[in-house]
Amino acid sequence: MPLSPDEIKPIILKERWVPRKPDQLIVCRCRPFHRPLHAQKITYLIIFSFIAIVLFFPTGIPACYYAFKTKKTFYDRDLKDNFELAIKYSILTERLVICSVLLAVIVGAVSLAMWEKLKEMKDFAVTVYDDVINSL
């Protein structure tokens, strides 16, 4: 039984129009919503990717690579569907920058803990050496 135009009311479900009856909702699988990609956001991605290189270079270098790849695909109008590709690259760049920051914090904390432990061991060795010298 076809629906009349009065029975169909459009609703927005994650950027898609879905027809529905008043008592029924049609569920569809949609892509998750992404913020729109602007030139200013690409500039921020490039800046933060350079900061990521300084913080933790193993993930900062790919972040910088994909930031420039995002810029190239965003401004390249010859490729078909390049805007979706630019969004994918920007998401990957954001994740790599976040990983760089987190890994820099983790490596810094572990390094600080190891340095404190070595300093404690050195102080212990000096006190043991002094005790041995004084007992003679």
C-alpha atoms as a PDB file:
ATOM      1  CA  MET A   1       0.000   0.000   0.000  1.00  0.00           C
ATOM      2  CA  PRO A   2       1.726   3.207  -1.144  1.00  0.00           C
ATOM      3  CA  LEU A   3       1.942   6.124   1.193  1.00  0.00           C
ATOM      4  CA  SER A   4       0.242   9.402   0.401  1.00  0.00           C
ATOM      5  CA  PRO A   5       2.241  12.621   0.661  1.00  0.00           C
ATOM      6  CA  ASP A   6       0.316  13.546   3.801  1.00  0.00           C
ATOM      7  CA  GLU A   7       1.478  10.389   5.593  1.00  0.00           C
ATOM      8  CA  ILE A   8       5.152  10.844   4.773  1.00  0.00           C
ATOM      9  CA  LYS A   9       7.017  13.199   7.092  1.00  0.00           C
ATOM     10  CA  PRO A  10      10.734  13.602   6.521  1.00  0.00           C
ATOM     11  CA  ILE A  11      13.087  13.491   9.487  1.00  0.00           C
ATOM     12  CA  ILE A  12      16.839  13.881   9.562  1.00  0.00           C
ATOM     13  CA  LEU A  13      18.805  10.937  10.909  1.00  0.00           C
ATOM     14  CA  LYS A  14      22.537  11.541  10.708  1.00  0.00           C
ATOM     15  CA  GLU A  15      22.413  13.736   7.611  1.00  0.00           C
ATOM     16  CA  ARG A  16      19.928  11.629   5.634  1.00  0.00           C
ATOM     17  CA  TRP A  17      16.283  12.161   4.921  1.00  0.00           C
ATOM     18  CA  VAL A  18      14.224   9.214   6.030  1.00  0.00           C
ATOM     19  CA  PRO A  19      10.512   8.926   5.219  1.00  0.00           C
ATOM     20  CA  ARG A  20       8.324   7.801   8.059  1.00  0.00           C
ATOM     21  CA  LYS A  21       4.742   7.272   9.021  1.00  0.00           C
ATOM     22  CA  PRO A  22       3.498   8.792  12.246  1.00  0.00           C
ATOM     23  CA  ASP A  23       3.722   5.411  14.001  1.00  0.00           C
ATOM     24  CA  GLN A  24       6.774   3.975  12.251  1.00  0.00           C
ATOM     25  CA  LEU A  25      10.427   4.909  11.952  1.00  0.00           C
ATOM     26  CA  ILE A  26      12.613   3.546   9.174  1.00  0.00           C
ATOM     27  CA  VAL A  27      16.090   2.932  10.495  1.00  0.00           C
ATOM     28  CA  CYS A  28      18.944   3.254   8.058  1.00  0.00           C
ATOM     29  CA  ARG A  29      22.659   2.862   8.481  1.00  0.00           C
ATOM     30  CA  CYS A  30      24.430   6.146   7.906  1.00  0.00           C
ATOM     31  CA  ARG A  31      27.941   7.436   8.121  1.00  0.00           C
ATOM     32  CA  PRO A  32      28.702   9.235  11.342  1.00  0.00           C
ATOM     33  CA  PHE A  33      28.587  12.994  11.195  1.00  0.00           C
ATOM     34  CA  HIS A  34      31.850  14.771  10.526  1.00  0.00           C
ATOM     35  CA  ARG A  35      32.483  18.450  10.975  1.00  0.00           C
ATOM     36  CA  PRO A  36      32.860  20.280   7.670  1.00  0.00           C
ATOM     37  CA  LEU A  37      36.376  20.653   6.352  1.00  0.00           C
ATOM     38  CA  HIS A  38      37.527  24.243   5.863  1.00  0.00           C
ATOM     39  CA  ALA A  39      40.818  25.797   4.804  1.00  0.00           C
ATOM     40  CA  GLN A  40      41.360  27.140   8.323  1.00  0.00           C
ATOM     41  CA  LYS A  41      41.023  23.631   9.771  1.00  0.00           C
ATOM     42  CA  ILE A  42      43.645  22.372   7.312  1.00  0.00           C
ATOM     43  CA  THR A  43      45.992  25.139   8.448  1.00  0.00           C
ATOM     44  CA  TYR A  44      45.482  24.096  12.070  1.00  0.00           C
ATOM     45  CA  LEU A  45      46.148  20.464  11.121  1.00  0.00           C
ATOM     46  CA  ILE A  46      49.467  21.444   9.561  1.00  0.00           C
ATOM     47  CA  ILE A  47      50.465  23.507  12.612  1.00  0.00           C
ATOM     48  CA  PHE A  48      49.548  20.748  15.063  1.00  0.00           C
ATOM     49  CA  SER A  49      51.302  18.137  12.929  1.00  0.00           C
ATOM     50  CA  PHE A  50      54.549  20.134  13.203  1.00  0.00           C
ATOM     51  CA  ILE A  51      54.044  20.273  16.968  1.00  0.00           C
ATOM     52  CA  ALA A  52      53.484  16.500  16.898  1.00  0.00           C
ATOM     53  CA  ILE A  53      56.848  16.042  15.162  1.00  0.00           C
ATOM     54  CA  VAL A  54      58.545  17.886  18.027  1.00  0.00           C
ATOM     55  CA  LEU A  55      56.658  15.930  20.693  1.00  0.00           C
ATOM     56  CA  PHE A  56      56.950  12.397  19.286  1.00  0.00           C
ATOM     57  CA  PHE A  57      58.482  12.099  15.829  1.00  0.00           C
ATOM     58  CA  PRO A  58      57.550   8.464  14.951  1.00  0.00           C
ATOM     59  CA  THR A  59      53.869   9.416  14.707  1.00  0.00           C
ATOM     60  CA  GLY A  60      54.453  13.120  14.059  1.00  0.00           C
ATOM     61  CA  ILE A  61      56.075  12.569  10.672  1.00  0.00           C
ATOM     62  CA  PRO A  62      53.095  10.612   9.247  1.00  0.00           C
ATOM     63  CA  ALA A  63      50.770  13.239  10.759  1.00  0.00           C
ATOM     64  CA  CYS A  64      52.628  15.968   8.873  1.00  0.00           C
ATOM     65  CA  TYR A  65      52.590  13.891   5.681  1.00  0.00           C
ATOM     66  CA  TYR A  66      48.835  13.352   5.844  1.00  0.00           C
ATOM     67  CA  ALA A  67      48.223  17.002   6.764  1.00  0.00           C
ATOM     68  CA  PHE A  68      49.904  18.111   3.550  1.00  0.00           C
ATOM     69  CA  LYS A  69      48.120  15.356   1.644  1.00  0.00           C
ATOM     70  CA  THR A  70      44.830  16.696   3.046  1.00  0.00           C
ATOM     71  CA  LYS A  71      45.702  20.168   1.788  1.00  0.00           C
ATOM     72  CA  LYS A  72      46.646  18.839  -1.637  1.00  0.00           C
ATOM     73  CA  THR A  73      43.462  16.792  -2.085  1.00  0.00           C
ATOM     74  CA  PHE A  74      41.274  19.588  -0.692  1.00  0.00           C
ATOM     75  CA  TYR A  75      42.519  22.110  -3.243  1.00  0.00           C
ATOM     76  CA  ASP A  76      42.820  19.648  -6.162  1.00  0.00           C
ATOM     77  CA  ARG A  77      39.610  20.001  -8.167  1.00  0.00           C
ATOM     78  CA  ASP A  78      40.541  17.512 -10.894  1.00  0.00           C
ATOM     79  CA  LEU A  79      39.998  14.357  -8.882  1.00  0.00           C
ATOM     80  CA  LYS A  80      36.531  12.957  -8.446  1.00  0.00           C
ATOM     81  CA  ASP A  81      35.419  12.441  -4.849  1.00  0.00           C
ATOM     82  CA  ASN A  82      38.547  14.161  -3.584  1.00  0.00           C
ATOM     83  CA  PHE A  83      36.600  15.942  -0.853  1.00  0.00           C
ATOM     84  CA  GLU A  84      35.735  12.634   0.842  1.00  0.00           C
ATOM     85  CA  LEU A  85      39.372  11.623   0.563  1.00  0.00           C
ATOM     86  CA  ALA A  86      40.442  14.931   2.122  1.00  0.00           C
ATOM     87  CA  ILE A  87      38.069  14.296   5.035  1.00  0.00           C
ATOM     88  CA  LYS A  88      39.567  10.812   5.527  1.00  0.00           C
ATOM     89  CA  TYR A  89      43.085  12.258   5.515  1.00  0.00           C
ATOM     90  CA  SER A  90      42.111  14.974   7.994  1.00  0.00           C
ATOM     91  CA  ILE A  91      40.611  12.403  10.380  1.00  0.00           C
ATOM     92  CA  LEU A  92      43.785  10.314  10.108  1.00  0.00           C
ATOM     93  CA  THR A  93      45.911  13.408  10.764  1.00  0.00           C
ATOM     94  CA  GLU A  94      43.866  14.284  13.855  1.00  0.00           C
ATOM     95  CA  ARG A  95      44.270  10.762  15.228  1.00  0.00           C
ATOM     96  CA  LEU A  96      48.015  10.742  14.595  1.00  0.00           C
ATOM     97  CA  VAL A  97      48.429  14.112  16.333  1.00  0.00           C
ATOM     98  CA  ILE A  98      46.465  12.845  19.341  1.00  0.00           C
ATOM     99  CA  CYS A  99      48.580   9.664  19.420  1.00  0.00           C
ATOM    100  CA  SER A 100      51.747  11.774  19.281  1.00  0.00           C
ATOM    101  CA  VAL A 101      50.675  13.819  22.284  1.00  0.00           C
ATOM    102  CA  LEU A 102      49.645  10.760  24.288  1.00  0.00           C
ATOM    103  CA  LEU A 103      52.795   8.829  23.467  1.00  0.00           C
ATOM    104  CA  ALA A 104      54.942  11.855  24.311  1.00  0.00           C
ATOM    105  CA  VAL A 105      53.305  12.044  27.734  1.00  0.00           C
ATOM    106  CA  ILE A 106      53.742   8.298  28.320  1.00  0.00           C
ATOM    107  CA  VAL A 107      57.387   8.261  27.200  1.00  0.00           C
ATOM    108  CA  GLY A 108      58.082  11.369  29.283  1.00  0.00           C
ATOM    109  CA  ALA A 109      56.531   9.824  32.401  1.00  0.00           C
ATOM    110  CA  VAL A 110      58.452   6.570  31.961  1.00  0.00           C
ATOM    111  CA  SER A 111      61.709   8.466  31.368  1.00  0.00           C
ATOM    112  CA  LEU A 112      61.160  10.571  34.467  1.00  0.00           C
ATOM    113  CA  ALA A 113      60.429   7.461  36.549  1.00  0.00           C
ATOM    114  CA  MET A 114      63.578   5.753  35.256  1.00  0.00           C
ATOM    115  CA  TRP A 115      65.678   8.848  35.957  1.00  0.00           C
ATOM    116  CA  GLU A 116      64.350   9.048  39.512  1.00  0.00           C
ATOM    117  CA  LYS A 117      65.075   5.355  40.023  1.00  0.00           C
ATOM    118  CA  LEU A 118      68.645   5.727  38.740  1.00  0.00           C
ATOM    119  CA  LYS A 119      69.171   8.762  40.951  1.00  0.00           C
ATOM    120  CA  GLU A 120      67.905   6.786  43.945  1.00  0.00           C
ATOM    121  CA  MET A 121      70.229   3.876  43.106  1.00  0.00           C
ATOM    122  CA  LYS A 122      73.195   6.253  42.786  1.00  0.00           C
ATOM    123  CA  ASP A 123      72.449   7.807  46.196  1.00  0.00           C
ATOM    124  CA  PHE A 124      72.167   4.318  47.703  1.00  0.00           C
ATOM    125  CA  ALA A 125      75.509   3.284  46.195  1.00  0.00           C
ATOM    126  CA  VAL A 126      77.218   6.398  47.584  1.00  0.00           C
ATOM    127  CA  THR A 127      75.871   5.751  51.117  1.00  0.00           C
ATOM    128  CA  VAL A 128      76.948   2.077  50.986  1.00  0.00           C
ATOM    129  CA  TYR A 129      80.408   3.089  49.766  1.00  0.00           C
ATOM    130  CA  ASP A 130      80.715   5.665  52.573  1.00  0.00           C
ATOM    131  CA  ASP A 131      79.683   3.066  55.144  1.00  0.00           C
ATOM    132  CA  VAL A 132      82.331   0.648  53.885  1.00  0.00           C
ATOM    133  CA  ILE A 133      85.032   3.341  53.935  1.00  0.00           C
ATOM    134  CA  ASN A 134      84.071   4.480  57.448  1.00  0.00           C
ATOM    135  CA  SER A 135      84.118   0.933  58.840  1.00  0.00           C
ATOM    136  CA  LEU A 136      87.735   0.463  57.810  1.00  0.00           C
END
